[in-house]
């Protein structure tokens, strides 16, 4: 049996095989399915451990600018995503240093351009504290973001998890 890696266009959801219990007691979702059905740049929680979450994201077009009071990581799962980084002149003015999770900025960030990263399947990018970032994908792509649950994190467990 060969391992097959999914994509937005071709995935098999799989499932939990329960012997003597209710599947609703287990969290199981497929990031490709979640990203394929999501709208661009929605951050949908697909895993959670205390305050930490993994968000599935459909990258398509140009995202808003984001900033966060802690480091985050973006892992490209399908396609190609460009990430632009700006070192914020005043990080505390952009986002409360005690906040958790990413925030959308209301205006273009003020600061020095740090550079850009182009990530493809399997590439992991650091989204550092003190920086603003945005994503751009020419064609639909999928990524996971490791972060702390915040106001942009969407919880749709009843929609994305196995029910029976």
N, C-alpha and C. Protein backbone atom coordinates (compact mmCIF):
# COMPACT_ATOMS: atom_id res chain seq x y z
N UNK A 1 0.84 -1.17 0.00
CA UNK A 1 0.00 0.00 0.00
C UNK A 1 0.90 1.24 0.00
N UNK A 2 0.62 2.17 -0.88
CA UNK A 2 1.40 3.40 -0.99
C UNK A 2 0.73 4.53 -0.22
N UNK A 3 1.54 5.39 0.34
CA UNK A 3 1.02 6.59 0.98
C UNK A 3 0.67 7.60 -0.11
N UNK A 4 -0.52 8.15 -0.03
CA UNK A 4 -0.97 9.14 -1.01
C UNK A 4 -1.23 10.44 -0.26
N UNK A 5 -0.59 11.51 -0.72
CA UNK A 5 -0.77 12.81 -0.09
C UNK A 5 -1.91 13.53 -0.78
N UNK A 6 -2.82 14.10 -0.02
CA UNK A 6 -3.98 14.78 -0.60
C UNK A 6 -3.64 16.15 -1.14
N UNK A 7 -4.65 16.77 -1.74
CA UNK A 7 -4.55 18.14 -2.24
C UNK A 7 -5.94 18.74 -2.21
N UNK A 8 -6.06 20.01 -2.53
CA UNK A 8 -7.38 20.64 -2.58
C UNK A 8 -8.26 19.96 -3.61
N UNK A 9 -7.66 19.54 -4.72
CA UNK A 9 -8.43 18.96 -5.81
C UNK A 9 -8.66 17.46 -5.66
N UNK A 10 -7.87 16.80 -4.82
CA UNK A 10 -7.95 15.33 -4.74
C UNK A 10 -7.60 14.87 -3.33
N UNK A 11 -8.62 14.55 -2.56
CA UNK A 11 -8.40 14.06 -1.20
C UNK A 11 -9.46 13.02 -0.86
N UNK A 12 -9.12 12.15 0.06
CA UNK A 12 -10.08 11.20 0.63
C UNK A 12 -10.16 11.52 2.11
N UNK A 13 -11.36 11.76 2.60
CA UNK A 13 -11.50 12.22 3.98
C UNK A 13 -11.03 11.20 5.00
N UNK A 14 -11.30 9.94 4.80
CA UNK A 14 -10.97 8.97 5.83
C UNK A 14 -11.97 9.05 6.96
N UNK A 15 -11.65 8.48 8.09
CA UNK A 15 -12.57 8.54 9.21
C UNK A 15 -12.07 7.76 10.40
N UNK A 16 -12.81 7.86 11.48
CA UNK A 16 -12.52 7.14 12.70
C UNK A 16 -13.33 5.85 12.67
N UNK A 17 -12.67 4.72 12.91
CA UNK A 17 -13.38 3.45 12.99
C UNK A 17 -13.56 3.11 14.47
N UNK A 18 -14.76 3.31 14.94
CA UNK A 18 -15.06 3.13 16.36
C UNK A 18 -15.59 1.72 16.58
N UNK A 19 -15.09 1.06 17.61
CA UNK A 19 -15.53 -0.30 17.92
C UNK A 19 -16.73 -0.28 18.85
N UNK A 20 -16.64 0.42 19.96
CA UNK A 20 -17.73 0.44 20.93
C UNK A 20 -17.83 1.82 21.58
N UNK A 21 -18.12 2.82 20.76
CA UNK A 21 -18.22 4.19 21.27
C UNK A 21 -18.93 5.03 20.22
N UNK A 22 -19.09 6.30 20.50
CA UNK A 22 -19.75 7.23 19.59
C UNK A 22 -18.68 8.04 18.86
N UNK A 23 -18.67 8.05 17.52
CA UNK A 23 -17.67 8.82 16.78
C UNK A 23 -17.65 10.30 17.14
N UNK A 24 -18.75 10.82 17.68
CA UNK A 24 -18.80 12.23 18.06
C UNK A 24 -17.86 12.53 19.22
N UNK A 25 -17.37 11.48 19.90
CA UNK A 25 -16.43 11.67 21.00
C UNK A 25 -15.00 11.89 20.51
N UNK A 26 -14.79 11.82 19.19
CA UNK A 26 -13.46 11.94 18.61
C UNK A 26 -13.46 13.07 17.58
N UNK A 27 -12.38 13.83 17.58
CA UNK A 27 -12.26 14.90 16.59
C UNK A 27 -11.53 14.33 15.38
N UNK A 28 -12.16 14.39 14.23
CA UNK A 28 -11.51 13.96 13.00
C UNK A 28 -12.01 14.85 11.88
N UNK A 29 -11.09 15.53 11.23
CA UNK A 29 -11.43 16.36 10.08
C UNK A 29 -10.29 16.22 9.07
N UNK A 30 -10.51 16.69 7.87
CA UNK A 30 -9.52 16.64 6.81
C UNK A 30 -9.21 18.07 6.40
N UNK A 31 -7.95 18.48 6.54
CA UNK A 31 -7.62 19.88 6.26
C UNK A 31 -7.88 20.26 4.81
N UNK A 32 -7.70 19.31 3.90
CA UNK A 32 -7.95 19.63 2.49
C UNK A 32 -9.44 19.88 2.25
N UNK A 33 -10.28 19.08 2.87
CA UNK A 33 -11.73 19.29 2.74
C UNK A 33 -12.13 20.63 3.36
N UNK A 34 -11.60 20.93 4.53
CA UNK A 34 -11.93 22.18 5.22
C UNK A 34 -11.48 23.37 4.37
N UNK A 35 -10.25 23.33 3.87
CA UNK A 35 -9.74 24.43 3.05
C UNK A 35 -10.49 24.54 1.72
N UNK A 36 -10.82 23.40 1.12
CA UNK A 36 -11.53 23.42 -0.17
C UNK A 36 -12.90 24.06 -0.03
N UNK A 37 -13.56 23.83 1.09
CA UNK A 37 -14.91 24.37 1.30
C UNK A 37 -14.89 25.77 1.91
N UNK A 38 -13.76 26.20 2.42
CA UNK A 38 -13.67 27.51 3.07
C UNK A 38 -13.55 28.64 2.06
N UNK A 39 -13.78 29.84 2.53
CA UNK A 39 -13.55 31.01 1.70
C UNK A 39 -12.11 31.47 1.92
N UNK A 40 -11.55 32.22 0.98
CA UNK A 40 -10.14 32.60 1.11
C UNK A 40 -9.82 33.28 2.45
N UNK A 41 -8.80 32.74 3.09
CA UNK A 41 -8.19 33.26 4.30
C UNK A 41 -9.04 33.15 5.56
N UNK A 42 -10.12 32.35 5.52
CA UNK A 42 -10.80 31.97 6.76
C UNK A 42 -9.84 31.08 7.53
N UNK A 43 -9.77 31.24 8.82
CA UNK A 43 -8.87 30.46 9.67
C UNK A 43 -9.73 29.52 10.51
N UNK A 44 -9.89 28.30 10.03
CA UNK A 44 -10.82 27.35 10.64
C UNK A 44 -10.04 26.34 11.49
N UNK A 45 -10.34 26.29 12.77
CA UNK A 45 -9.66 25.36 13.68
C UNK A 45 -9.96 23.92 13.28
N UNK A 46 -8.89 23.13 13.13
CA UNK A 46 -9.05 21.71 12.84
C UNK A 46 -8.43 20.85 13.93
N UNK A 47 -7.71 21.46 14.84
CA UNK A 47 -7.14 20.76 15.99
C UNK A 47 -6.95 21.78 17.11
N UNK A 48 -7.10 21.30 18.34
CA UNK A 48 -6.97 22.20 19.49
C UNK A 48 -6.38 21.44 20.67
N UNK A 49 -5.44 22.08 21.35
CA UNK A 49 -4.84 21.54 22.57
C UNK A 49 -4.70 22.71 23.54
N UNK A 50 -5.58 22.75 24.53
CA UNK A 50 -5.69 23.90 25.43
C UNK A 50 -5.94 25.14 24.58
N UNK A 51 -5.09 26.17 24.69
CA UNK A 51 -5.33 27.39 23.91
C UNK A 51 -4.72 27.34 22.51
N UNK A 52 -3.91 26.32 22.23
CA UNK A 52 -3.22 26.21 20.95
C UNK A 52 -4.12 25.57 19.90
N UNK A 53 -4.06 26.10 18.68
CA UNK A 53 -4.88 25.56 17.60
C UNK A 53 -4.05 25.41 16.33
N UNK A 54 -4.53 24.50 15.49
CA UNK A 54 -4.08 24.40 14.11
C UNK A 54 -5.25 24.87 13.27
N UNK A 55 -5.00 25.88 12.45
CA UNK A 55 -6.05 26.43 11.59
C UNK A 55 -5.81 25.98 10.15
N UNK A 56 -6.86 25.51 9.49
CA UNK A 56 -6.79 25.21 8.06
C UNK A 56 -7.21 26.46 7.31
N UNK A 57 -6.44 26.81 6.29
CA UNK A 57 -6.68 28.06 5.56
C UNK A 57 -6.62 27.80 4.06
N UNK A 58 -7.61 28.31 3.35
CA UNK A 58 -7.58 28.33 1.88
C UNK A 58 -6.93 29.65 1.49
N UNK A 59 -5.79 29.59 0.83
CA UNK A 59 -5.11 30.80 0.35
C UNK A 59 -5.46 30.97 -1.12
N UNK A 60 -6.02 32.12 -1.43
CA UNK A 60 -6.41 32.41 -2.82
C UNK A 60 -6.52 33.92 -2.97
N UNK A 61 -5.73 34.50 -3.87
CA UNK A 61 -5.71 35.95 -4.02
C UNK A 61 -4.80 36.57 -2.97
N UNK A 62 -5.13 37.81 -2.57
CA UNK A 62 -4.31 38.56 -1.62
C UNK A 62 -5.06 38.71 -0.30
N UNK A 63 -4.41 38.35 0.78
CA UNK A 63 -5.03 38.44 2.11
C UNK A 63 -4.90 39.86 2.66
N UNK A 64 -5.65 40.15 3.73
CA UNK A 64 -5.39 41.38 4.47
C UNK A 64 -4.04 41.25 5.18
N UNK A 65 -3.59 42.33 5.77
CA UNK A 65 -2.40 42.30 6.62
C UNK A 65 -2.80 41.79 7.99
N UNK A 66 -1.93 40.96 8.58
CA UNK A 66 -2.14 40.42 9.92
C UNK A 66 -0.94 40.76 10.80
N UNK A 67 -1.17 40.74 12.10
CA UNK A 67 -0.09 40.83 13.09
C UNK A 67 -0.51 40.02 14.30
N UNK A 68 0.47 39.62 15.10
CA UNK A 68 0.19 38.76 16.24
C UNK A 68 1.17 39.10 17.36
N UNK A 69 0.74 38.93 18.60
CA UNK A 69 1.59 39.22 19.76
C UNK A 69 2.49 38.05 20.13
N UNK A 70 2.49 37.01 19.33
CA UNK A 70 3.35 35.84 19.55
C UNK A 70 3.71 35.25 18.19
N UNK A 71 4.74 34.43 18.16
CA UNK A 71 5.11 33.77 16.92
C UNK A 71 3.99 32.84 16.45
N UNK A 72 3.89 32.69 15.15
CA UNK A 72 3.00 31.71 14.53
C UNK A 72 3.82 30.98 13.47
N UNK A 73 3.29 29.85 12.99
CA UNK A 73 3.95 29.11 11.93
C UNK A 73 2.93 28.78 10.85
N UNK A 74 3.33 28.92 9.59
CA UNK A 74 2.47 28.56 8.46
C UNK A 74 3.14 27.42 7.70
N UNK A 75 2.38 26.34 7.49
CA UNK A 75 2.87 25.17 6.76
C UNK A 75 2.05 25.02 5.49
N UNK A 76 2.71 25.13 4.34
CA UNK A 76 2.01 24.96 3.07
C UNK A 76 1.72 23.48 2.84
N UNK A 77 0.48 23.16 2.57
CA UNK A 77 0.07 21.78 2.34
C UNK A 77 -0.21 21.49 0.87
N UNK A 78 -0.50 22.53 0.08
CA UNK A 78 -0.80 22.36 -1.34
C UNK A 78 -0.66 23.71 -2.03
N UNK A 79 -0.10 23.72 -3.21
CA UNK A 79 0.01 24.95 -3.99
C UNK A 79 1.26 25.74 -3.64
N UNK A 80 1.17 27.04 -3.89
CA UNK A 80 2.29 27.95 -3.65
C UNK A 80 1.75 29.24 -3.04
N UNK A 81 2.36 29.69 -1.96
CA UNK A 81 1.90 30.86 -1.23
C UNK A 81 3.08 31.79 -0.99
N UNK A 82 2.90 33.05 -1.33
CA UNK A 82 3.93 34.05 -1.04
C UNK A 82 3.54 34.78 0.24
N UNK A 83 4.50 34.92 1.14
CA UNK A 83 4.29 35.62 2.40
C UNK A 83 5.19 36.85 2.40
N UNK A 84 4.60 38.02 2.60
CA UNK A 84 5.34 39.28 2.69
C UNK A 84 5.39 39.69 4.16
N UNK A 85 6.57 40.07 4.63
CA UNK A 85 6.76 40.46 6.03
C UNK A 85 7.22 41.91 6.14
N UNK A 86 6.67 42.62 7.12
CA UNK A 86 7.07 43.99 7.43
C UNK A 86 7.38 44.06 8.93
N UNK A 87 8.58 44.53 9.29
CA UNK A 87 8.95 44.73 10.70
C UNK A 87 8.24 45.99 11.17
N UNK A 88 7.31 45.84 12.09
CA UNK A 88 6.49 46.97 12.53
C UNK A 88 7.31 47.99 13.32
N UNK A 89 7.11 49.28 13.00
CA UNK A 89 7.76 50.35 13.76
C UNK A 89 7.28 50.36 15.21
N UNK A 90 5.98 50.15 15.40
CA UNK A 90 5.39 50.14 16.74
C UNK A 90 4.48 48.91 16.89
N UNK A 91 5.05 47.76 17.19
CA UNK A 91 4.25 46.53 17.28
C UNK A 91 3.11 46.63 18.29
N UNK A 92 3.35 47.30 19.43
CA UNK A 92 2.32 47.39 20.47
C UNK A 92 1.14 48.24 20.02
N UNK A 93 1.35 49.14 19.07
CA UNK A 93 0.25 49.95 18.54
C UNK A 93 -0.61 49.14 17.58
N UNK A 94 -0.01 48.13 16.95
CA UNK A 94 -0.74 47.30 15.99
C UNK A 94 -1.55 46.21 16.68
N UNK A 95 -0.98 45.65 17.75
CA UNK A 95 -1.64 44.54 18.45
C UNK A 95 -1.25 44.56 19.93
N UNK A 96 -2.22 44.36 20.78
CA UNK A 96 -2.00 44.33 22.23
C UNK A 96 -1.01 43.21 22.55
N UNK A 97 0.11 43.53 23.23
CA UNK A 97 1.11 42.50 23.51
C UNK A 97 0.61 41.35 24.38
N UNK A 98 -0.51 41.52 25.06
CA UNK A 98 -1.06 40.45 25.90
C UNK A 98 -2.14 39.64 25.17
N UNK A 99 -2.43 40.01 23.92
CA UNK A 99 -3.49 39.33 23.18
C UNK A 99 -3.02 37.97 22.67
N UNK A 100 -3.99 37.16 22.29
CA UNK A 100 -3.70 35.84 21.74
C UNK A 100 -4.36 35.72 20.37
N UNK A 101 -3.67 35.06 19.45
CA UNK A 101 -4.19 34.88 18.11
C UNK A 101 -3.90 36.08 17.22
N UNK A 102 -4.02 35.86 15.92
CA UNK A 102 -3.75 36.91 14.94
C UNK A 102 -4.85 37.95 14.92
N UNK A 103 -4.49 39.14 14.46
CA UNK A 103 -5.43 40.24 14.27
C UNK A 103 -5.27 40.78 12.86
N UNK A 104 -6.37 41.20 12.25
CA UNK A 104 -6.32 41.90 10.96
C UNK A 104 -5.94 43.35 11.24
N UNK A 105 -5.04 43.87 10.46
CA UNK A 105 -4.69 45.28 10.59
C UNK A 105 -5.70 46.11 9.81
N UNK A 106 -5.99 47.30 10.29
CA UNK A 106 -6.99 48.16 9.65
C UNK A 106 -6.38 49.02 8.55
N UNK A 107 -5.05 49.07 8.48
CA UNK A 107 -4.36 49.85 7.44
C UNK A 107 -3.06 49.14 7.08
N UNK A 108 -2.43 49.58 6.00
CA UNK A 108 -1.13 49.02 5.64
C UNK A 108 -0.16 49.23 6.80
N UNK A 109 0.69 48.25 7.08
CA UNK A 109 1.60 48.37 8.21
C UNK A 109 2.69 49.42 7.97
N UNK A 110 3.07 50.09 9.05
CA UNK A 110 4.17 51.05 8.99
C UNK A 110 5.41 50.36 9.54
N UNK A 111 6.43 50.34 8.72
CA UNK A 111 7.67 49.70 9.13
C UNK A 111 8.54 49.36 7.94
N UNK A 112 9.62 48.68 8.24
CA UNK A 112 10.61 48.30 7.23
C UNK A 112 10.25 46.93 6.64
N UNK A 113 10.27 46.85 5.33
CA UNK A 113 10.01 45.58 4.66
C UNK A 113 11.12 44.59 5.03
N UNK A 114 10.71 43.43 5.53
CA UNK A 114 11.68 42.41 5.93
C UNK A 114 12.02 41.48 4.78
N UNK A 115 11.07 41.30 3.88
CA UNK A 115 11.30 40.40 2.76
C UNK A 115 10.07 39.57 2.48
N UNK A 116 10.28 38.52 1.70
CA UNK A 116 9.18 37.64 1.34
C UNK A 116 9.67 36.20 1.31
N UNK A 117 8.73 35.30 1.49
CA UNK A 117 9.00 33.87 1.39
C UNK A 117 8.00 33.30 0.40
N UNK A 118 8.44 32.37 -0.39
CA UNK A 118 7.53 31.62 -1.25
C UNK A 118 7.57 30.19 -0.75
N UNK A 119 6.42 29.73 -0.25
CA UNK A 119 6.38 28.38 0.31
C UNK A 119 5.52 27.48 -0.56
N UNK A 120 5.97 26.25 -0.68
CA UNK A 120 5.25 25.21 -1.42
C UNK A 120 5.05 24.02 -0.48
N UNK A 121 4.37 22.99 -0.98
CA UNK A 121 4.04 21.83 -0.14
C UNK A 121 5.21 21.39 0.73
N UNK A 122 4.94 21.36 2.04
CA UNK A 122 5.94 20.90 2.99
C UNK A 122 6.82 21.99 3.56
N UNK A 123 6.76 23.20 3.01
CA UNK A 123 7.58 24.29 3.52
C UNK A 123 6.91 24.93 4.73
N UNK A 124 7.71 25.19 5.76
CA UNK A 124 7.23 25.79 7.01
C UNK A 124 7.82 27.19 7.13
N UNK A 125 6.98 28.18 7.43
CA UNK A 125 7.44 29.56 7.55
C UNK A 125 7.12 30.10 8.94
N UNK A 126 8.08 30.81 9.53
CA UNK A 126 7.87 31.49 10.80
C UNK A 126 7.23 32.84 10.52
N UNK A 127 6.16 33.14 11.24
CA UNK A 127 5.50 34.45 11.21
C UNK A 127 5.84 35.09 12.54
N UNK A 128 6.91 35.89 12.60
CA UNK A 128 7.45 36.32 13.89
C UNK A 128 6.66 37.42 14.58
N UNK A 129 6.71 37.40 15.90
CA UNK A 129 6.14 38.47 16.70
C UNK A 129 6.84 39.78 16.30
N UNK A 130 6.09 40.88 16.29
CA UNK A 130 6.67 42.17 15.93
C UNK A 130 6.65 42.46 14.45
N UNK A 131 6.10 41.54 13.67
CA UNK A 131 6.03 41.72 12.22
C UNK A 131 4.58 41.64 11.76
N UNK A 132 4.30 42.34 10.68
CA UNK A 132 3.01 42.18 9.99
C UNK A 132 3.27 41.26 8.81
N UNK A 133 2.24 40.52 8.42
CA UNK A 133 2.40 39.62 7.29
C UNK A 133 1.11 39.55 6.49
N UNK A 134 1.27 39.17 5.23
CA UNK A 134 0.11 38.87 4.40
C UNK A 134 0.49 37.76 3.43
N UNK A 135 -0.54 37.08 2.97
CA UNK A 135 -0.38 35.95 2.07
C UNK A 135 -0.88 36.32 0.69
N UNK A 136 -0.27 35.70 -0.32
CA UNK A 136 -0.78 35.83 -1.68
C UNK A 136 -0.61 34.50 -2.39
N UNK A 137 -1.69 34.05 -3.03
CA UNK A 137 -1.66 32.81 -3.80
C UNK A 137 -2.36 33.06 -5.12
N UNK A 138 -1.66 32.81 -6.22
CA UNK A 138 -2.22 33.01 -7.55
C UNK A 138 -3.33 31.99 -7.83
N UNK A 139 -3.12 30.77 -7.37
CA UNK A 139 -4.14 29.73 -7.53
C UNK A 139 -4.50 29.19 -6.15
N UNK A 140 -5.67 28.57 -6.00
CA UNK A 140 -6.07 28.06 -4.69
C UNK A 140 -5.00 27.15 -4.08
N UNK A 141 -4.66 27.42 -2.85
CA UNK A 141 -3.65 26.67 -2.12
C UNK A 141 -4.17 26.40 -0.71
N UNK A 142 -3.52 25.48 -0.02
CA UNK A 142 -3.93 25.14 1.34
C UNK A 142 -2.74 25.26 2.28
N UNK A 143 -3.01 25.78 3.48
CA UNK A 143 -1.97 25.84 4.51
C UNK A 143 -2.58 25.59 5.87
N UNK A 144 -1.71 25.24 6.80
CA UNK A 144 -2.07 25.14 8.20
C UNK A 144 -1.31 26.23 8.94
N UNK A 145 -1.97 26.87 9.89
CA UNK A 145 -1.31 27.86 10.73
C UNK A 145 -1.37 27.37 12.17
N UNK A 146 -0.19 27.29 12.81
CA UNK A 146 -0.11 26.93 14.22
C UNK A 146 -0.06 28.23 14.99
N UNK A 147 -1.01 28.41 15.90
CA UNK A 147 -1.14 29.67 16.62
C UNK A 147 -1.85 29.43 17.95
N UNK A 148 -2.24 30.50 18.60
CA UNK A 148 -3.09 30.44 19.78
C UNK A 148 -4.47 30.92 19.34
N UNK A 149 -5.51 30.28 19.85
CA UNK A 149 -6.87 30.65 19.46
C UNK A 149 -7.10 32.14 19.71
N UNK A 150 -7.67 32.80 18.73
CA UNK A 150 -7.92 34.23 18.84
C UNK A 150 -9.20 34.61 18.13
N UNK A 151 -9.44 35.90 17.94
CA UNK A 151 -10.70 36.36 17.35
C UNK A 151 -10.90 35.95 15.89
N UNK A 152 -9.83 35.62 15.18
CA UNK A 152 -9.98 35.20 13.78
C UNK A 152 -10.17 33.70 13.64
N UNK A 153 -9.95 32.96 14.72
CA UNK A 153 -10.11 31.50 14.69
C UNK A 153 -11.59 31.15 14.65
N UNK A 154 -11.99 30.41 13.63
CA UNK A 154 -13.38 29.97 13.51
C UNK A 154 -13.50 28.54 13.99
N UNK A 155 -14.47 28.28 14.85
CA UNK A 155 -14.74 26.92 15.34
C UNK A 155 -15.99 26.41 14.64
N UNK A 156 -15.81 25.39 13.84
CA UNK A 156 -16.92 24.78 13.10
C UNK A 156 -16.92 23.27 13.30
N UNK A 157 -16.70 22.85 14.52
CA UNK A 157 -16.53 21.42 14.80
C UNK A 157 -17.71 20.60 14.29
N UNK A 158 -18.93 21.09 14.48
CA UNK A 158 -20.10 20.30 14.05
C UNK A 158 -20.18 20.17 12.54
N UNK A 159 -19.55 21.07 11.81
CA UNK A 159 -19.57 21.01 10.35
C UNK A 159 -18.43 20.17 9.78
N UNK A 160 -17.27 20.18 10.45
CA UNK A 160 -16.09 19.57 9.84
C UNK A 160 -15.74 18.20 10.39
N UNK A 161 -16.31 17.81 11.52
CA UNK A 161 -15.94 16.54 12.14
C UNK A 161 -16.93 15.43 11.80
N UNK A 162 -16.42 14.21 11.84
CA UNK A 162 -17.23 13.03 11.57
C UNK A 162 -18.39 12.96 12.56
N UNK A 163 -19.57 12.69 12.05
CA UNK A 163 -20.77 12.66 12.90
C UNK A 163 -21.26 11.25 13.18
N UNK A 164 -20.98 10.31 12.31
CA UNK A 164 -21.46 8.93 12.54
C UNK A 164 -20.46 7.91 12.07
